Amino acid sequence: MIADEVNMVPEHLIGNLGDVHLYSNHIEQAKEQIERKPMNLPSVEISELDLLKGSVELELKNYLHHSAIKAPLSN
């Protein structure tokens, strides 16, 4: 969507994950998360695009989510 707005061809979307881990006392919560049925995806609209500042504002429409999964703190 961003590439379309700036008249470019999309190629790669690269993300970085840091500090990714699973504590042993969070196994049941992880299983619950994995078993959840995904919700329909929201739509994303570009509400403001400023190429000179290099900024973009996005708005999610119809975002649905499951309830929070509580887990104890780990030491």
N, C-alpha and C. Protein backbone atom coordinates (compact mmCIF):
# COMPACT_ATOMS: atom_id res chain seq x y z
N MET A 1 0.82 -1.18 0.00
CA MET A 1 0.00 0.00 0.00
C MET A 1 0.86 1.25 0.00
N ILE A 2 1.93 1.21 0.79
CA ILE A 2 2.81 2.38 0.82
C ILE A 2 3.50 2.54 -0.53
N ALA A 3 3.98 1.44 -1.11
CA ALA A 3 4.63 1.52 -2.41
C ALA A 3 3.68 2.08 -3.46
N ASP A 4 2.44 1.70 -3.42
CA ASP A 4 1.46 2.21 -4.37
C ASP A 4 1.30 3.72 -4.21
N GLU A 5 1.27 4.20 -3.00
CA GLU A 5 1.11 5.63 -2.75
C GLU A 5 2.30 6.44 -3.25
N VAL A 6 3.50 5.86 -3.24
CA VAL A 6 4.70 6.60 -3.66
C VAL A 6 5.17 6.16 -5.04
N ASN A 7 4.28 5.46 -5.77
CA ASN A 7 4.55 5.02 -7.15
C ASN A 7 5.83 4.20 -7.27
N MET A 8 5.97 3.22 -6.39
CA MET A 8 7.11 2.31 -6.43
C MET A 8 6.60 0.87 -6.46
N VAL A 9 7.48 -0.05 -6.78
CA VAL A 9 7.13 -1.46 -6.84
C VAL A 9 7.60 -2.13 -5.55
N PRO A 10 6.68 -2.78 -4.79
CA PRO A 10 7.10 -3.44 -3.54
C PRO A 10 7.96 -4.66 -3.84
N GLU A 11 8.95 -4.88 -2.99
CA GLU A 11 9.80 -6.05 -3.17
C GLU A 11 9.89 -6.88 -1.90
N HIS A 12 10.44 -6.31 -0.84
CA HIS A 12 10.63 -7.05 0.41
C HIS A 12 10.06 -6.26 1.58
N LEU A 13 9.50 -6.98 2.53
CA LEU A 13 9.12 -6.39 3.81
C LEU A 13 9.99 -7.09 4.85
N ILE A 14 10.84 -6.34 5.50
CA ILE A 14 11.82 -6.91 6.42
C ILE A 14 11.50 -6.45 7.83
N GLY A 15 11.44 -7.38 8.76
CA GLY A 15 11.19 -7.06 10.16
C GLY A 15 12.25 -7.71 11.04
N ASN A 16 12.43 -7.19 12.20
CA ASN A 16 13.39 -7.74 13.16
C ASN A 16 12.68 -8.11 14.45
N LEU A 17 13.02 -9.26 14.98
CA LEU A 17 12.48 -9.69 16.27
C LEU A 17 13.63 -9.68 17.27
N GLY A 18 13.40 -9.07 18.40
CA GLY A 18 14.43 -9.03 19.42
C GLY A 18 13.89 -9.56 20.73
N ASP A 19 14.74 -10.19 21.50
CA ASP A 19 14.37 -10.68 22.83
C ASP A 19 13.15 -11.60 22.77
N VAL A 20 13.15 -12.51 21.80
CA VAL A 20 12.04 -13.45 21.63
C VAL A 20 12.35 -14.70 22.45
N HIS A 21 11.45 -15.03 23.35
CA HIS A 21 11.66 -16.18 24.22
C HIS A 21 10.31 -16.65 24.78
N LEU A 22 10.31 -17.83 25.38
CA LEU A 22 9.12 -18.37 26.02
C LEU A 22 9.54 -18.96 27.36
N TYR A 23 9.00 -18.43 28.44
CA TYR A 23 9.32 -18.94 29.76
C TYR A 23 8.56 -20.24 30.01
N SER A 24 9.14 -21.10 30.83
CA SER A 24 8.53 -22.41 31.10
C SER A 24 7.18 -22.30 31.79
N ASN A 25 6.92 -21.22 32.54
CA ASN A 25 5.62 -21.07 33.19
C ASN A 25 4.60 -20.35 32.30
N HIS A 26 4.90 -20.22 31.01
CA HIS A 26 3.97 -19.60 30.05
C HIS A 26 3.56 -20.58 28.95
N ILE A 27 3.87 -21.85 29.13
CA ILE A 27 3.59 -22.86 28.09
C ILE A 27 2.09 -22.97 27.83
N GLU A 28 1.27 -23.04 28.86
CA GLU A 28 -0.18 -23.18 28.67
C GLU A 28 -0.76 -21.97 27.94
N GLN A 29 -0.29 -20.78 28.27
CA GLN A 29 -0.78 -19.58 27.59
C GLN A 29 -0.35 -19.57 26.12
N ALA A 30 0.84 -20.05 25.83
CA ALA A 30 1.30 -20.14 24.44
C ALA A 30 0.43 -21.13 23.66
N LYS A 31 0.11 -22.25 24.28
CA LYS A 31 -0.76 -23.24 23.61
C LYS A 31 -2.13 -22.63 23.33
N GLU A 32 -2.67 -21.87 24.29
CA GLU A 32 -3.97 -21.22 24.09
C GLU A 32 -3.90 -20.25 22.91
N GLN A 33 -2.82 -19.49 22.81
CA GLN A 33 -2.65 -18.54 21.71
C GLN A 33 -2.60 -19.27 20.36
N ILE A 34 -1.85 -20.36 20.30
CA ILE A 34 -1.71 -21.12 19.06
C ILE A 34 -3.04 -21.72 18.62
N GLU A 35 -3.88 -22.12 19.57
CA GLU A 35 -5.15 -22.76 19.25
C GLU A 35 -6.25 -21.78 18.83
N ARG A 36 -6.05 -20.51 19.04
CA ARG A 36 -7.08 -19.52 18.69
C ARG A 36 -7.26 -19.42 17.18
N LYS A 37 -8.52 -19.25 16.78
CA LYS A 37 -8.82 -19.07 15.37
C LYS A 37 -8.53 -17.61 14.99
N PRO A 38 -7.77 -17.39 13.92
CA PRO A 38 -7.48 -16.01 13.52
C PRO A 38 -8.75 -15.24 13.16
N MET A 39 -8.74 -13.97 13.49
CA MET A 39 -9.85 -13.07 13.15
C MET A 39 -9.66 -12.59 11.71
N ASN A 40 -10.73 -12.03 11.14
CA ASN A 40 -10.59 -11.40 9.83
C ASN A 40 -9.62 -10.24 9.94
N LEU A 41 -8.82 -10.05 8.90
CA LEU A 41 -7.84 -8.97 8.92
C LEU A 41 -8.51 -7.61 8.77
N PRO A 42 -7.96 -6.61 9.43
CA PRO A 42 -8.50 -5.26 9.27
C PRO A 42 -8.04 -4.68 7.93
N SER A 43 -8.64 -3.58 7.54
CA SER A 43 -8.13 -2.86 6.38
C SER A 43 -7.26 -1.72 6.91
N VAL A 44 -6.32 -1.30 6.09
CA VAL A 44 -5.41 -0.23 6.46
C VAL A 44 -5.59 0.90 5.46
N GLU A 45 -5.78 2.10 5.97
CA GLU A 45 -5.91 3.27 5.12
C GLU A 45 -4.81 4.26 5.46
N ILE A 46 -4.23 4.83 4.42
CA ILE A 46 -3.24 5.88 4.63
C ILE A 46 -4.00 7.18 4.83
N SER A 47 -3.93 7.72 6.04
CA SER A 47 -4.69 8.92 6.34
C SER A 47 -3.88 10.19 6.07
N GLU A 48 -2.55 10.07 6.11
CA GLU A 48 -1.71 11.23 5.80
C GLU A 48 -0.35 10.73 5.33
N LEU A 49 0.15 11.32 4.25
CA LEU A 49 1.44 10.94 3.70
C LEU A 49 2.22 12.22 3.41
N ASP A 50 3.38 12.36 4.04
CA ASP A 50 4.21 13.54 3.84
C ASP A 50 5.59 13.07 3.40
N LEU A 51 5.84 13.10 2.09
CA LEU A 51 7.11 12.61 1.56
C LEU A 51 8.28 13.48 1.96
N LEU A 52 8.05 14.76 2.13
CA LEU A 52 9.13 15.66 2.51
C LEU A 52 9.63 15.37 3.93
N LYS A 53 8.72 15.05 4.82
CA LYS A 53 9.09 14.71 6.20
C LYS A 53 9.39 13.23 6.36
N GLY A 54 9.01 12.43 5.37
CA GLY A 54 9.20 10.99 5.48
C GLY A 54 8.27 10.36 6.48
N SER A 55 7.06 10.91 6.60
CA SER A 55 6.12 10.39 7.59
C SER A 55 4.85 9.89 6.91
N VAL A 56 4.25 8.91 7.53
CA VAL A 56 2.99 8.38 7.04
C VAL A 56 2.13 8.04 8.25
N GLU A 57 0.86 8.33 8.17
CA GLU A 57 -0.09 7.97 9.23
C GLU A 57 -1.05 6.94 8.67
N LEU A 58 -1.15 5.82 9.37
CA LEU A 58 -2.03 4.74 8.95
C LEU A 58 -3.19 4.61 9.92
N GLU A 59 -4.32 4.17 9.41
CA GLU A 59 -5.50 3.95 10.26
C GLU A 59 -6.03 2.54 10.00
N LEU A 60 -6.17 1.76 11.07
CA LEU A 60 -6.74 0.42 10.97
C LEU A 60 -8.26 0.52 11.05
N LYS A 61 -8.94 -0.15 10.14
CA LYS A 61 -10.41 -0.17 10.13
C LYS A 61 -10.88 -1.59 10.42
N ASN A 62 -11.87 -1.73 11.28
CA ASN A 62 -12.47 -3.03 11.62
C ASN A 62 -11.46 -4.00 12.22
N TYR A 63 -10.63 -3.51 13.15
CA TYR A 63 -9.66 -4.36 13.84
C TYR A 63 -10.37 -5.17 14.92
N LEU A 64 -10.26 -6.48 14.85
CA LEU A 64 -10.86 -7.39 15.83
C LEU A 64 -9.74 -8.14 16.55
N HIS A 65 -9.95 -8.46 17.83
CA HIS A 65 -8.94 -9.19 18.58
C HIS A 65 -9.59 -10.08 19.62
N HIS A 66 -8.84 -11.07 20.05
CA HIS A 66 -9.28 -11.94 21.13
C HIS A 66 -9.02 -11.23 22.47
N SER A 67 -9.58 -11.80 23.52
CA SER A 67 -9.31 -11.24 24.85
C SER A 67 -7.86 -11.52 25.25
N ALA A 68 -7.37 -10.76 26.22
CA ALA A 68 -5.99 -10.92 26.69
C ALA A 68 -5.81 -12.28 27.35
N ILE A 69 -4.62 -12.82 27.23
CA ILE A 69 -4.25 -14.06 27.92
C ILE A 69 -3.34 -13.67 29.08
N LYS A 70 -3.78 -13.92 30.28
CA LYS A 70 -3.00 -13.56 31.47
C LYS A 70 -1.94 -14.63 31.76
N ALA A 71 -0.76 -14.17 32.20
CA ALA A 71 0.32 -15.08 32.56
C ALA A 71 1.08 -14.48 33.72
N PRO A 72 1.61 -15.33 34.61
CA PRO A 72 2.37 -14.81 35.75
C PRO A 72 3.70 -14.23 35.29
N LEU A 73 4.23 -13.28 36.06
CA LEU A 73 5.55 -12.74 35.75
C LEU A 73 6.60 -13.81 35.98
N SER A 74 7.67 -13.75 35.21
CA SER A 74 8.78 -14.69 35.38
C SER A 74 9.98 -13.94 35.91
N ASN A 75 10.79 -14.66 36.67
CA ASN A 75 12.01 -14.06 37.22
C ASN A 75 13.18 -14.38 36.33
